[in-house]
Amino acid sequence: MINGKVLRDAFISGANNITNNREKIDQLNVFPVPDGDTGTNMSMTISSSVRELSRLVDPSATVVADTAASSFLRGARGNSGVILSLLFRGISKGLKGKEEVSGEDFADALAKGVSAAYKAVMKPTEGTILTVARIASERASMAKSDDFLITFEAALDGAKEALAETPEMLPVLKKAGVVDAGGQGLVTIFEGMLSVFRDGKMIEANTAPTVAAPEKTRSAAAISDEEITFTYCTEFIINRDKTIKANPLELRKYLESIGDSCVVVDDEDIIKVHVHTNHPGNALEFALTYGPLVNLKIENMRDQNERMKHDTKENGADAIATPDGGGYTPVKPEKKFGFVSVCVGDGLEQLFTDLGVDTLVSGGQTMNPSTEDILKAVELTPAEVVFVLPNNKNIIMAAELAVPLATRKVIVLHTKTIPMGISAMLAFDSSVSDDDNAVEMMAAADNVSTGQITYAARNSDFDGHDIKEGDILALNNGKLDFTDTDFMAATVKLTEKMCSKESSFVTLIYGADVTDEQAEQVVNDLESKLDSEIEISAVRGGQPIYYFIISIE
């Protein structure tokens, strides 16, 4: 039997062990793009509990497990971190009410943790952290011992054996000559815990525990008047008059001549328009030549900005939670629908704000926000129903964990890229229900193709490509299409490959390392190569990591 104090020290030792080894685990990532990195995400997830656990004096096992699970849940980052948090949340449920823990108690608790982790993943992949945890659980149960140390050692032995087999389960691991990074992370944590269980020795952290600073959460009220070039945010829908042969591209060109932040999306029946302009009447007059207008909305952004600043101050929205447990005050709902979006880059922040996003969470590739970061943003959004746009596949699971923690209804849209998030926002219709909006917004998101131009963070032999650190990578809807040495040439080539006869709009969102002149050159090169009917535009996103994010509709 082990008591709560020993369990507490073991959790801290496990956290310290993965913190000390996170860079080695990061290097196991096979896909060479810069990403959140498994070791770092798992380290940040488990290290979020160290401070809270250290405060416990002579605790029971159930208090230790509950404290750890709660911290893991809120600190979860990336898919690997979320799975880790679910595993330990299941363990805490299995230890509920226990003063001490026997071998059989631990085996039962680990089984509950594995079950919770598998249920949370829509399509579990064997050869990952899930497999390592499952085999560990099976070995713990097979030990059939009340002796805690015997049971835990059996679990760790099973985890190590499963980890060694992961390359046989996933060919991409075998080709790269590595084991699964998430599985290695779990083994590393278990090894740190065993040091306490077997030797009574807590592994110390080589550096301070990896706990990230609070993610930047930005309200639309933070926009200064100086950032507003055109005063009126103008939105409307045109019910297309099919007797009129009008080209939406001409409408878009006209609107761009009298304003900015112009977005025009059309299908056979409607044209949805968003534009910032000082002359909304002119925009409406021109639009009427295409058909009758509905759902008109014109807002004075300067006036709205001042009111939002006042409301934010009155509602106490400046009281934001911190990772060490500081409190924050949720704002009161003032409207039916609200939006939270994850993005990084001043241009992208402005774009999502223009589209109606209330609260922004700074993050994305290499910067996965935690569940707590997303929860804070939700609670600071003054709406009854809050839609969350993760805009990155490695953030979706962390966002989902915020749903049951929130004081209001939260709907997480599974937007995996920035263009998907933008398309989802454009499809929002305030006149329909939240559930109908969720369906329509995701349908719009799924209808956009995303290209990404980035660089290789490490040497790799991936999917038939011999990749060297620094090579330019062209990603077609998340899959590596080709490599290059010139990011501008790669952007042109990838956009050409992704366009089809059905393509109407190409939007190039250029990053912090791309100049206006370079973006303009890419647009010019594409205009000389693509069908003249395809409208091409460039928007400064200011994002790191990606030279260009390409949206094709």
Protein backbone atom coordinates (compact mmCIF):
# COMPACT_ATOMS: atom_id res chain seq x y z
CA MET A 1 0.00 0.00 0.00
CA ILE A 2 1.14 3.57 -0.65
CA ASN A 3 -0.22 6.66 1.04
CA GLY A 4 -1.13 10.04 -0.37
CA LYS A 5 2.21 11.62 0.43
CA VAL A 6 4.09 8.99 -1.59
CA LEU A 7 1.61 9.33 -4.47
CA ARG A 8 2.03 13.11 -4.38
CA ASP A 9 5.82 12.84 -4.54
CA ALA A 10 5.56 10.31 -7.37
CA PHE A 11 3.41 12.62 -9.50
CA ILE A 12 5.87 15.47 -8.98
CA SER A 13 8.81 13.17 -9.79
CA GLY A 14 7.08 12.05 -13.00
CA ALA A 15 6.49 15.66 -13.98
CA ASN A 16 10.11 16.56 -13.32
CA ASN A 17 11.37 13.58 -15.29
CA ILE A 18 9.50 14.49 -18.46
CA THR A 19 10.46 18.16 -18.02
CA ASN A 20 14.10 17.07 -17.95
CA ASN A 21 13.67 14.92 -21.06
CA ARG A 22 11.14 16.89 -23.08
CA GLU A 23 13.59 17.93 -25.80
CA LYS A 24 14.62 14.33 -26.45
CA ILE A 25 10.96 13.38 -26.77
CA ASP A 26 10.31 16.35 -29.07
CA GLN A 27 12.99 15.00 -31.42
CA LEU A 28 10.97 11.80 -31.89
CA ASN A 29 8.29 13.69 -33.80
CA VAL A 30 8.38 12.30 -37.33
CA PHE A 31 6.62 15.03 -39.29
CA PRO A 32 9.31 17.68 -39.86
CA VAL A 33 7.12 20.78 -39.71
CA PRO A 34 7.49 23.06 -36.69
CA ASP A 35 4.76 21.93 -34.31
CA GLY A 36 3.64 21.90 -30.68
CA ASP A 37 6.09 19.05 -29.98
CA THR A 38 4.88 16.12 -27.94
CA GLY A 39 7.42 16.24 -25.14
CA THR A 40 6.88 19.93 -24.51
CA ASN A 41 3.08 19.64 -24.57
CA MET A 42 3.06 16.66 -22.19
CA SER A 43 5.56 18.37 -19.91
CA MET A 44 3.52 21.55 -19.77
CA THR A 45 0.35 19.54 -19.12
CA ILE A 46 1.68 17.56 -16.16
CA SER A 47 3.84 20.36 -14.78
CA SER A 48 0.71 22.46 -14.33
CA SER A 49 -0.01 20.27 -11.28
CA VAL A 50 3.36 20.57 -9.52
CA ARG A 51 2.63 23.77 -7.62
CA GLU A 52 -0.77 22.60 -6.42
CA LEU A 53 0.53 19.18 -5.40
CA SER A 54 3.45 20.72 -3.51
CA ARG A 55 1.01 22.60 -1.31
CA LEU A 56 -0.67 19.43 -0.04
CA VAL A 57 0.34 18.36 3.48
CA ASP A 58 -0.32 14.74 4.52
CA PRO A 59 -3.06 14.30 1.91
CA SER A 60 -5.08 11.19 1.20
CA ALA A 61 -4.56 9.37 -2.08
CA THR A 62 -7.91 10.54 -3.41
CA VAL A 63 -7.07 14.21 -2.72
CA VAL A 64 -3.73 13.85 -4.51
CA ALA A 65 -5.31 12.13 -7.52
CA ASP A 66 -8.14 14.70 -7.72
CA THR A 67 -5.72 17.64 -7.44
CA ALA A 68 -3.48 16.24 -10.16
CA ALA A 69 -6.37 15.39 -12.47
CA SER A 70 -7.93 18.85 -12.12
CA SER A 71 -4.62 20.56 -12.89
CA PHE A 72 -3.92 18.22 -15.82
CA LEU A 73 -7.36 18.94 -17.23
CA ARG A 74 -6.99 22.71 -17.22
CA GLY A 75 -3.35 22.62 -18.26
CA ALA A 76 -3.85 20.15 -21.13
CA ARG A 77 -2.05 21.21 -24.34
CA GLY A 78 -1.99 19.44 -27.66
CA ASN A 79 -3.52 16.05 -28.38
CA SER A 80 -0.85 14.20 -26.40
CA GLY A 81 -1.42 16.44 -23.38
CA VAL A 82 -5.19 15.98 -23.58
CA ILE A 83 -4.86 12.18 -23.72
CA LEU A 84 -2.51 12.32 -20.74
CA SER A 85 -5.00 14.43 -18.80
CA LEU A 86 -7.85 12.04 -19.61
CA LEU A 87 -5.76 9.08 -18.52
CA PHE A 88 -5.04 10.63 -15.14
CA ARG A 89 -8.62 11.87 -14.75
CA GLY A 90 -9.76 8.27 -15.12
CA ILE A 91 -7.17 7.20 -12.56
CA SER A 92 -8.49 9.80 -10.12
CA LYS A 93 -12.01 8.40 -10.49
CA GLY A 94 -10.67 4.93 -9.81
CA LEU A 95 -9.00 6.14 -6.61
CA LYS A 96 -12.03 8.08 -5.39
CA GLY A 97 -12.38 7.84 -1.61
CA LYS A 98 -9.08 5.96 -1.13
CA GLU A 99 -6.81 6.94 1.76
CA GLU A 100 -4.14 4.52 0.50
CA VAL A 101 -3.67 2.60 -2.73
CA SER A 102 -3.06 -1.11 -3.18
CA GLY A 103 -1.81 -2.86 -6.29
CA GLU A 104 -5.32 -3.92 -7.27
CA ASP A 105 -6.62 -0.40 -6.64
CA PHE A 106 -4.03 0.98 -9.04
CA ALA A 107 -4.75 -1.65 -11.69
CA ASP A 108 -8.48 -0.85 -11.57
CA ALA A 109 -7.82 2.90 -11.65
CA LEU A 110 -5.43 2.64 -14.61
CA ALA A 111 -8.03 0.60 -16.51
CA LYS A 112 -10.56 3.39 -15.97
CA GLY A 113 -8.05 5.93 -17.21
CA VAL A 114 -7.31 3.98 -20.38
CA SER A 115 -11.03 3.55 -21.06
CA ALA A 116 -11.61 7.31 -20.69
CA ALA A 117 -8.71 8.12 -23.03
CA TYR A 118 -9.88 5.72 -25.75
CA LYS A 119 -13.46 7.00 -25.60
CA ALA A 120 -12.30 10.57 -26.11
CA VAL A 121 -10.53 9.81 -29.39
CA MET A 122 -12.87 9.46 -32.35
CA LYS A 123 -10.56 7.15 -34.29
CA PRO A 124 -7.98 5.66 -31.91
CA THR A 125 -4.70 4.82 -33.64
CA GLU A 126 -2.69 1.89 -32.35
CA GLY A 127 1.04 2.41 -32.07
CA THR A 128 0.57 5.61 -30.07
CA ILE A 129 0.36 6.65 -26.42
CA LEU A 130 -3.05 4.92 -26.30
CA THR A 131 -1.47 1.55 -27.06
CA VAL A 132 1.29 2.07 -24.52
CA ALA A 133 -1.25 2.97 -21.82
CA ARG A 134 -3.52 0.06 -22.72
CA ILE A 135 -0.77 -2.57 -22.55
CA ALA A 136 0.44 -1.06 -19.28
CA SER A 137 -3.07 -1.42 -17.89
CA GLU A 138 -3.41 -4.99 -19.10
CA ARG A 139 -0.10 -5.97 -17.49
CA ALA A 140 -1.11 -4.30 -14.21
CA SER A 141 -4.33 -6.33 -14.17
CA MET A 142 -2.50 -9.55 -15.06
CA ALA A 143 -0.18 -9.07 -12.07
CA LYS A 144 -3.15 -9.78 -9.78
CA SER A 145 -1.17 -8.53 -6.83
CA ASP A 146 -2.16 -6.41 -3.87
CA ASP A 147 1.46 -5.28 -3.66
CA PHE A 148 1.55 -1.80 -5.21
CA LEU A 149 5.19 -1.94 -6.32
CA ILE A 150 4.75 -5.30 -8.09
CA THR A 151 1.70 -3.98 -9.92
CA PHE A 152 3.29 -0.68 -10.93
CA GLU A 153 6.47 -2.36 -12.16
CA ALA A 154 4.34 -4.75 -14.23
CA ALA A 155 2.56 -1.75 -15.76
CA LEU A 156 5.84 0.00 -16.58
CA ASP A 157 7.33 -3.17 -18.09
CA GLY A 158 4.24 -3.49 -20.29
CA ALA A 159 4.49 0.15 -21.30
CA LYS A 160 8.14 -0.25 -22.31
CA GLU A 161 7.44 -3.39 -24.34
CA ALA A 162 4.50 -1.71 -26.09
CA LEU A 163 6.64 1.36 -26.82
CA ALA A 164 9.31 -0.81 -28.43
CA GLU A 165 6.62 -2.31 -30.68
CA THR A 166 5.15 0.98 -31.88
CA PRO A 167 7.37 1.10 -35.00
CA GLU A 168 5.88 -2.24 -36.07
CA MET A 169 2.38 -0.80 -35.74
CA LEU A 170 3.04 2.47 -37.54
CA PRO A 171 5.23 2.18 -40.66
CA VAL A 172 6.07 5.90 -40.55
CA LEU A 173 7.80 5.34 -37.20
CA LYS A 174 9.70 2.33 -38.50
CA LYS A 175 10.96 4.20 -41.54
CA ALA A 176 12.15 7.06 -39.37
CA GLY A 177 13.73 4.65 -36.88
CA VAL A 178 11.94 6.06 -33.84
CA VAL A 179 9.30 5.04 -31.32
CA ASP A 180 6.09 6.96 -30.71
CA ALA A 181 6.76 10.27 -28.96
CA GLY A 182 3.58 10.23 -26.87
CA GLY A 183 4.25 6.69 -25.73
CA GLN A 184 7.81 7.65 -24.80
CA GLY A 185 6.43 10.57 -22.82
CA LEU A 186 4.16 8.29 -20.80
CA VAL A 187 7.01 5.83 -20.11
CA THR A 188 9.18 8.75 -18.98
CA ILE A 189 6.51 9.89 -16.54
CA PHE A 190 6.05 6.36 -15.18
CA GLU A 191 9.83 6.01 -14.73
CA GLY A 192 9.89 9.21 -12.72
CA MET A 193 7.08 7.89 -10.55
CA LEU A 194 8.82 4.52 -10.04
CA SER A 195 11.85 6.31 -8.61
CA VAL A 196 9.66 7.32 -5.66
CA PHE A 197 7.72 4.06 -5.35
CA ARG A 198 10.79 1.79 -5.45
CA ASP A 199 13.67 3.91 -4.16
CA GLY A 200 11.94 6.66 -2.22
CA LYS A 201 13.81 9.20 -4.37
CA MET A 202 12.07 12.10 -6.08
CA ILE A 203 13.66 13.16 -9.36
CA GLU A 204 14.39 16.86 -9.24
CA ALA A 205 13.77 19.17 -12.17
CA ASN A 206 16.95 20.35 -13.92
CA THR A 207 15.16 23.63 -14.57
CA ALA A 208 12.02 25.25 -13.27
CA PRO A 209 8.90 23.24 -14.14
CA THR A 210 7.63 23.98 -17.61
CA VAL A 211 4.55 26.08 -17.00
CA ALA A 212 3.73 28.49 -19.78
CA ALA A 213 2.90 32.10 -19.21
CA PRO A 214 -0.79 32.87 -19.65
CA GLU A 215 -1.79 32.91 -23.30
CA LYS A 216 -2.66 36.32 -24.60
CA THR A 217 -6.45 36.68 -24.55
CA ARG A 218 -7.57 39.70 -26.48
CA SER A 219 -11.04 41.23 -26.52
CA ALA A 220 -12.25 43.16 -29.53
CA ALA A 221 -12.35 46.12 -27.15
CA ALA A 222 -8.57 46.16 -27.21
CA ILE A 223 -8.56 47.61 -30.72
CA SER A 224 -7.58 51.25 -30.76
CA ASP A 225 -9.38 53.86 -32.83
CA GLU A 226 -6.14 54.40 -34.75
CA GLU A 227 -6.42 50.85 -36.09
CA ILE A 228 -9.83 51.62 -37.64
CA THR A 229 -9.30 52.96 -41.16
CA PHE A 230 -12.93 52.81 -42.29
CA THR A 231 -15.71 53.57 -39.84
CA TYR A 232 -18.64 51.38 -40.87
CA CYS A 233 -18.66 47.59 -40.73
CA THR A 234 -21.19 46.69 -43.39
CA GLU A 235 -22.69 43.24 -43.85
CA PHE A 236 -25.57 41.98 -45.93
CA ILE A 237 -26.81 39.10 -48.06
CA ILE A 238 -27.92 39.47 -51.67
CA ASN A 239 -30.68 37.15 -52.84
CA ARG A 240 -29.43 36.74 -56.38
CA ASP A 241 -31.70 37.86 -59.18
CA LYS A 242 -31.08 35.05 -61.65
CA THR A 243 -32.31 37.17 -64.54
CA ILE A 244 -29.27 39.39 -64.04
CA LYS A 245 -25.94 38.09 -65.28
CA ALA A 246 -23.75 39.82 -62.73
CA ASN A 247 -20.26 38.72 -61.75
CA PRO A 248 -19.54 38.67 -57.97
CA LEU A 249 -15.89 39.40 -58.81
CA GLU A 250 -16.91 42.84 -60.05
CA LEU A 251 -18.80 43.43 -56.81
CA ARG A 252 -15.72 42.50 -54.82
CA LYS A 253 -13.49 44.79 -56.89
CA TYR A 254 -15.86 47.71 -56.37
CA LEU A 255 -16.09 47.16 -52.62
CA GLU A 256 -12.30 46.97 -52.36
CA SER A 257 -12.12 50.36 -54.09
CA ILE A 258 -14.24 52.00 -51.37
CA GLY A 259 -13.07 50.10 -48.28
CA ASP A 260 -11.08 47.21 -46.85
CA SER A 261 -11.56 43.89 -45.05
CA CYS A 262 -13.72 42.91 -47.99
CA VAL A 263 -15.10 39.38 -48.13
CA VAL A 264 -17.53 38.16 -50.79
CA VAL A 265 -18.80 34.58 -50.74
CA ASP A 266 -21.39 33.35 -53.20
CA ASP A 267 -23.33 30.32 -54.35
CA GLU A 268 -26.19 29.88 -56.81
CA ASP A 269 -28.75 31.60 -54.60
CA ILE A 270 -27.02 34.20 -52.43
CA ILE A 271 -23.97 36.44 -52.14
CA LYS A 272 -22.75 37.15 -48.60
CA VAL A 273 -20.84 40.40 -48.20
CA HIS A 274 -18.66 41.93 -45.48
CA VAL A 275 -16.78 45.20 -45.96
CA HIS A 276 -15.42 48.14 -43.95
CA THR A 277 -16.16 51.43 -45.64
CA ASN A 278 -16.87 55.09 -45.00
CA HIS A 279 -19.72 54.96 -47.52
CA PRO A 280 -22.05 52.03 -46.72
CA GLY A 281 -24.78 53.60 -48.88
CA ASN A 282 -22.60 53.29 -51.96
CA ALA A 283 -21.92 49.63 -51.14
CA LEU A 284 -25.65 48.93 -50.82
CA GLU A 285 -26.53 50.78 -54.04
CA PHE A 286 -24.00 48.81 -56.05
CA ALA A 287 -25.09 45.53 -54.44
CA LEU A 288 -28.74 46.17 -55.36
CA THR A 289 -27.84 45.69 -59.01
CA TYR A 290 -27.34 42.01 -58.15
CA GLY A 291 -30.68 41.50 -56.40
CA PRO A 292 -32.65 42.36 -53.23
CA LEU A 293 -30.78 42.71 -49.95
CA VAL A 294 -31.56 40.95 -46.66
CA ASN A 295 -29.92 40.68 -43.22
CA LEU A 296 -28.41 44.15 -43.44
CA LYS A 297 -26.14 45.21 -40.60
CA ILE A 298 -24.20 48.47 -40.46
CA GLU A 299 -22.20 49.28 -37.33
CA ASN A 300 -20.11 52.30 -36.45
CA MET A 301 -16.91 50.58 -35.30
CA ARG A 302 -15.50 53.63 -33.54
CA ASP A 303 -18.63 54.00 -31.41
CA GLN A 304 -18.85 50.25 -30.84
CA ASN A 305 -15.20 50.16 -29.80
CA GLU A 306 -15.72 52.82 -27.14
CA ARG A 307 -18.81 51.07 -25.78
CA MET A 308 -17.02 47.71 -25.60
CA LYS A 309 -14.12 49.28 -23.72
CA HIS A 310 -16.58 50.73 -21.21
CA ASP A 311 -18.53 47.46 -20.87
CA THR A 312 -15.36 45.44 -20.42
CA LYS A 313 -14.24 47.71 -17.61
CA GLU A 314 -17.66 47.67 -15.93
CA ASN A 315 -17.97 43.87 -16.12
CA GLY A 316 -14.57 43.25 -14.60
CA ALA A 317 -13.25 41.42 -17.64
CA ASP A 318 -9.72 42.42 -16.73
CA ALA A 319 -9.73 39.82 -13.95
CA ILE A 320 -8.16 36.99 -15.92
CA ALA A 321 -7.18 33.61 -14.52
CA THR A 322 -3.54 32.63 -14.25
CA PRO A 323 -2.09 29.09 -14.42
CA ASP A 324 -1.31 29.10 -10.70
CA GLY A 325 -4.99 29.12 -9.83
CA GLY A 326 -5.80 32.83 -9.75
CA GLY A 327 -9.48 33.60 -10.23
CA TYR A 328 -11.26 35.48 -12.97
CA THR A 329 -14.74 36.91 -13.25
CA PRO A 330 -16.90 35.59 -16.10
CA VAL A 331 -18.69 38.39 -17.90
CA LYS A 332 -22.46 38.41 -18.01
CA PRO A 333 -24.09 37.35 -21.29
CA GLU A 334 -25.37 40.37 -23.21
CA LYS A 335 -26.26 38.63 -26.46
CA LYS A 336 -27.21 35.23 -27.78
CA PHE A 337 -24.11 34.27 -29.74
CA GLY A 338 -20.40 34.90 -29.22
CA PHE A 339 -17.15 33.68 -30.72
CA VAL A 340 -13.66 32.70 -29.58
CA SER A 341 -10.90 32.13 -32.10
CA VAL A 342 -7.36 30.86 -31.74
CA CYS A 343 -4.84 32.59 -33.99
CA VAL A 344 -1.55 34.47 -33.90
CA GLY A 345 -0.41 37.44 -35.94
CA ASP A 346 -1.75 41.00 -35.79
CA GLY A 347 -3.24 40.75 -39.26
CA LEU A 348 -5.14 37.56 -38.47
CA GLU A 349 -6.31 38.96 -35.14
CA GLN A 350 -7.73 41.98 -36.95
CA LEU A 351 -9.36 39.80 -39.60
CA PHE A 352 -11.13 37.54 -37.11
CA THR A 353 -12.24 40.57 -35.10
CA ASP A 354 -13.64 42.12 -38.28
CA LEU A 355 -15.61 38.93 -38.88
CA GLY A 356 -17.27 39.15 -35.47
CA VAL A 357 -14.99 37.23 -33.10
CA ASP A 358 -15.34 38.55 -29.55
CA THR A 359 -12.27 37.07 -27.88
CA LEU A 360 -8.96 35.95 -29.35
CA VAL A 361 -6.58 33.39 -27.87
CA SER A 362 -3.02 33.77 -29.05
CA GLY A 363 -1.76 30.42 -30.25
CA GLY A 364 -1.51 27.93 -33.06
CA GLN A 365 1.34 25.93 -34.50
CA THR A 366 4.14 25.48 -31.90
CA MET A 367 1.99 27.46 -29.42
CA ASN A 368 -0.88 25.22 -28.39
CA PRO A 369 -3.03 27.03 -25.80
CA SER A 370 -4.24 25.05 -22.80
CA THR A 371 -7.80 24.15 -21.92
CA GLU A 372 -7.63 26.83 -19.22
CA ASP A 373 -6.62 29.46 -21.79
CA ILE A 374 -9.60 28.60 -23.96
CA LEU A 375 -11.96 28.42 -20.98
CA LYS A 376 -10.89 31.93 -19.90
CA ALA A 377 -11.66 33.26 -23.36
CA VAL A 378 -15.07 31.62 -23.31
CA GLU A 379 -15.91 33.06 -19.89
CA LEU A 380 -14.84 36.53 -21.03
CA THR A 381 -17.15 36.40 -24.03
CA PRO A 382 -20.48 38.12 -23.20
CA ALA A 383 -22.79 35.59 -24.83
CA GLU A 384 -25.13 32.75 -23.90
CA VAL A 385 -23.73 30.46 -26.60
CA VAL A 386 -20.05 30.64 -27.51
CA PHE A 387 -18.61 29.09 -30.66
CA VAL A 388 -14.91 28.19 -30.39
CA LEU A 389 -12.71 28.02 -33.49
CA PRO A 390 -9.43 26.19 -32.68
CA ASN A 391 -8.10 26.59 -36.24
CA ASN A 392 -5.51 23.85 -35.62
CA LYS A 393 -6.04 20.10 -35.37
CA ASN A 394 -3.80 19.88 -32.30
CA ILE A 395 -5.98 22.32 -30.34
CA ILE A 396 -9.42 20.81 -30.93
CA MET A 397 -9.26 18.26 -28.10
CA ALA A 398 -8.08 20.86 -25.58
CA ALA A 399 -10.98 23.09 -26.62
CA GLU A 400 -13.45 20.23 -26.17
CA LEU A 401 -12.30 19.79 -22.56
CA ALA A 402 -13.44 23.35 -21.84
CA VAL A 403 -17.07 22.56 -22.75
CA PRO A 404 -18.18 20.97 -19.44
CA LEU A 405 -16.19 23.51 -17.40
CA ALA A 406 -17.87 26.61 -18.81
CA THR A 407 -20.78 28.54 -17.27
CA ARG A 408 -22.41 28.90 -20.68
CA LYS A 409 -23.06 26.70 -23.69
CA VAL A 410 -19.93 26.09 -25.74
CA ILE A 411 -19.82 24.66 -29.26
CA VAL A 412 -16.38 23.71 -30.55
CA LEU A 413 -16.19 23.81 -34.32
CA HIS A 414 -13.53 21.43 -35.62
CA THR A 415 -11.71 23.99 -37.73
CA LYS A 416 -8.24 22.65 -38.44
CA THR A 417 -6.82 25.64 -40.31
CA ILE A 418 -7.12 29.41 -40.42
CA PRO A 419 -9.03 29.41 -43.75
CA MET A 420 -11.52 26.94 -42.27
CA GLY A 421 -12.08 29.30 -39.34
CA ILE A 422 -12.61 32.27 -41.65
CA SER A 423 -15.10 30.37 -43.81
CA ALA A 424 -16.97 29.19 -40.72
CA MET A 425 -17.35 32.77 -39.47
CA LEU A 426 -18.63 33.93 -42.86
CA ALA A 427 -21.33 31.26 -42.78
CA PHE A 428 -22.75 32.35 -39.42
CA ASP A 429 -26.40 33.40 -39.53
CA SER A 430 -27.80 35.10 -36.43
CA SER A 431 -31.37 34.28 -37.45
CA VAL A 432 -31.02 30.50 -37.03
CA SER A 433 -30.41 28.27 -34.01
CA ASP A 434 -27.03 27.48 -32.52
CA ASP A 435 -27.21 23.86 -33.66
CA ASP A 436 -28.14 24.83 -37.22
CA ASN A 437 -25.31 27.35 -37.24
CA ALA A 438 -22.87 24.69 -36.11
CA VAL A 439 -23.85 22.49 -39.05
CA GLU A 440 -23.73 25.28 -41.61
CA MET A 441 -20.50 26.78 -40.32
CA MET A 442 -18.71 23.43 -40.45
CA ALA A 443 -20.11 22.73 -43.90
CA ALA A 444 -18.61 26.02 -45.06
CA ALA A 445 -15.31 25.25 -43.33
CA ASP A 446 -15.10 21.85 -44.99
CA ASN A 447 -15.65 23.47 -48.38
CA VAL A 448 -12.39 25.42 -48.32
CA SER A 449 -8.99 24.02 -49.25
CA THR A 450 -5.90 25.07 -47.32
CA GLY A 451 -2.33 25.24 -48.51
CA GLN A 452 0.58 26.07 -46.22
CA ILE A 453 4.15 27.04 -46.96
CA THR A 454 6.53 26.53 -44.06
CA TYR A 455 10.00 25.16 -43.35
CA ALA A 456 11.49 21.91 -42.04
CA ALA A 457 12.37 22.07 -38.37
CA ARG A 458 14.55 18.97 -38.52
CA ASN A 459 16.13 16.47 -40.92
CA SER A 460 13.68 13.74 -41.87
CA ASP A 461 12.95 10.98 -44.32
CA PHE A 462 9.20 11.42 -44.55
CA ASP A 463 6.73 9.98 -47.03
CA GLY A 464 9.37 9.48 -49.71
CA HIS A 465 10.96 12.90 -49.22
CA ASP A 466 14.55 13.29 -48.07
CA ILE A 467 14.13 16.47 -46.05
CA LYS A 468 16.87 18.66 -44.66
CA GLU A 469 16.42 21.18 -41.87
CA GLY A 470 15.44 24.51 -43.41
CA ASP A 471 13.90 23.08 -46.58
CA ILE A 472 10.68 24.74 -47.72
CA LEU A 473 7.66 22.46 -47.22
CA ALA A 474 4.45 22.74 -49.25
CA LEU A 475 1.43 21.27 -47.45
CA ASN A 476 -1.75 20.49 -49.37
CA ASN A 477 -4.61 20.22 -46.84
CA GLY A 478 -2.17 19.10 -44.16
CA LYS A 479 -0.25 16.58 -46.27
CA LEU A 480 3.27 17.15 -47.53
CA ASP A 481 3.05 17.69 -51.28
CA PHE A 482 6.61 18.67 -52.21
CA THR A 483 9.73 20.42 -50.95
CA ASP A 484 11.51 23.43 -52.41
CA THR A 485 14.27 25.92 -51.66
CA ASP A 486 12.30 29.10 -52.42
CA PHE A 487 9.13 29.89 -50.46
CA MET A 488 7.75 32.25 -53.13
CA ALA A 489 8.19 29.71 -55.93
CA ALA A 490 6.69 27.04 -53.70
CA THR A 491 3.65 29.20 -53.03
CA VAL A 492 2.99 29.69 -56.72
CA LYS A 493 3.50 26.01 -57.51
CA LEU A 494 1.27 24.76 -54.70
CA THR A 495 -1.52 27.21 -55.51
CA GLU A 496 -1.46 26.13 -59.14
CA LYS A 497 -1.70 22.47 -58.14
CA MET A 498 -4.58 23.08 -55.73
CA CYS A 499 -6.76 25.17 -58.05
CA SER A 500 -9.40 23.44 -60.15
CA LYS A 501 -12.05 24.44 -62.67
CA GLU A 502 -14.42 25.09 -59.76
CA SER A 503 -12.06 27.48 -57.99
CA SER A 504 -13.23 31.10 -57.81
CA PHE A 505 -11.18 32.77 -55.07
CA VAL A 506 -7.59 32.45 -53.94
CA THR A 507 -6.59 34.32 -50.81
CA LEU A 508 -2.93 34.41 -49.80
CA ILE A 509 -2.41 35.15 -46.11
CA TYR A 510 1.24 36.13 -45.79
CA GLY A 511 3.26 35.86 -42.62
CA ALA A 512 5.60 37.94 -40.51
CA ASP A 513 8.66 36.97 -42.56
CA VAL A 514 7.15 38.02 -45.89
CA THR A 515 7.28 41.60 -47.16
CA ASP A 516 4.42 43.38 -48.91
CA GLU A 517 6.53 43.43 -52.07
CA GLN A 518 7.11 39.67 -51.96
CA ALA A 519 3.41 39.02 -51.48
CA GLU A 520 2.58 41.30 -54.40
CA GLN A 521 5.10 39.47 -56.57
CA VAL A 522 3.48 36.11 -55.77
CA VAL A 523 0.06 37.52 -56.68
CA ASN A 524 1.43 38.83 -59.99
CA ASP A 525 3.03 35.47 -60.78
CA LEU A 526 -0.23 33.65 -60.07
CA GLU A 527 -2.29 36.08 -62.16
CA SER A 528 -0.11 35.19 -65.13
CA LYS A 529 -0.60 31.45 -64.57
CA LEU A 530 -4.15 30.94 -63.31
CA ASP A 531 -7.48 31.28 -65.10
CA SER A 532 -8.40 34.94 -65.40
CA GLU A 533 -11.78 34.19 -63.78
CA ILE A 534 -10.08 33.31 -60.49
CA GLU A 535 -9.88 36.29 -58.14
CA ILE A 536 -6.52 36.45 -56.32
CA SER A 537 -5.88 38.62 -53.29
CA ALA A 538 -3.23 38.88 -50.58
CA VAL A 539 -3.90 39.67 -46.92
CA ARG A 540 -1.21 40.37 -44.35
CA GLY A 541 -1.69 37.88 -41.54
CA GLY A 542 1.55 38.50 -39.69
CA GLN A 543 1.65 34.86 -38.54
CA PRO A 544 4.91 33.12 -37.61
CA ILE A 545 5.96 29.69 -38.92
CA TYR A 546 3.98 29.89 -42.18
CA TYR A 547 5.27 32.10 -44.98
CA PHE A 548 1.92 31.76 -46.71
CA ILE A 549 -1.43 30.25 -45.78
CA ILE A 550 -3.40 29.67 -48.98
CA SER A 551 -7.20 29.64 -49.00
CA ILE A 552 -8.91 28.30 -52.12
CA GLU A 553 -12.67 28.44 -52.64
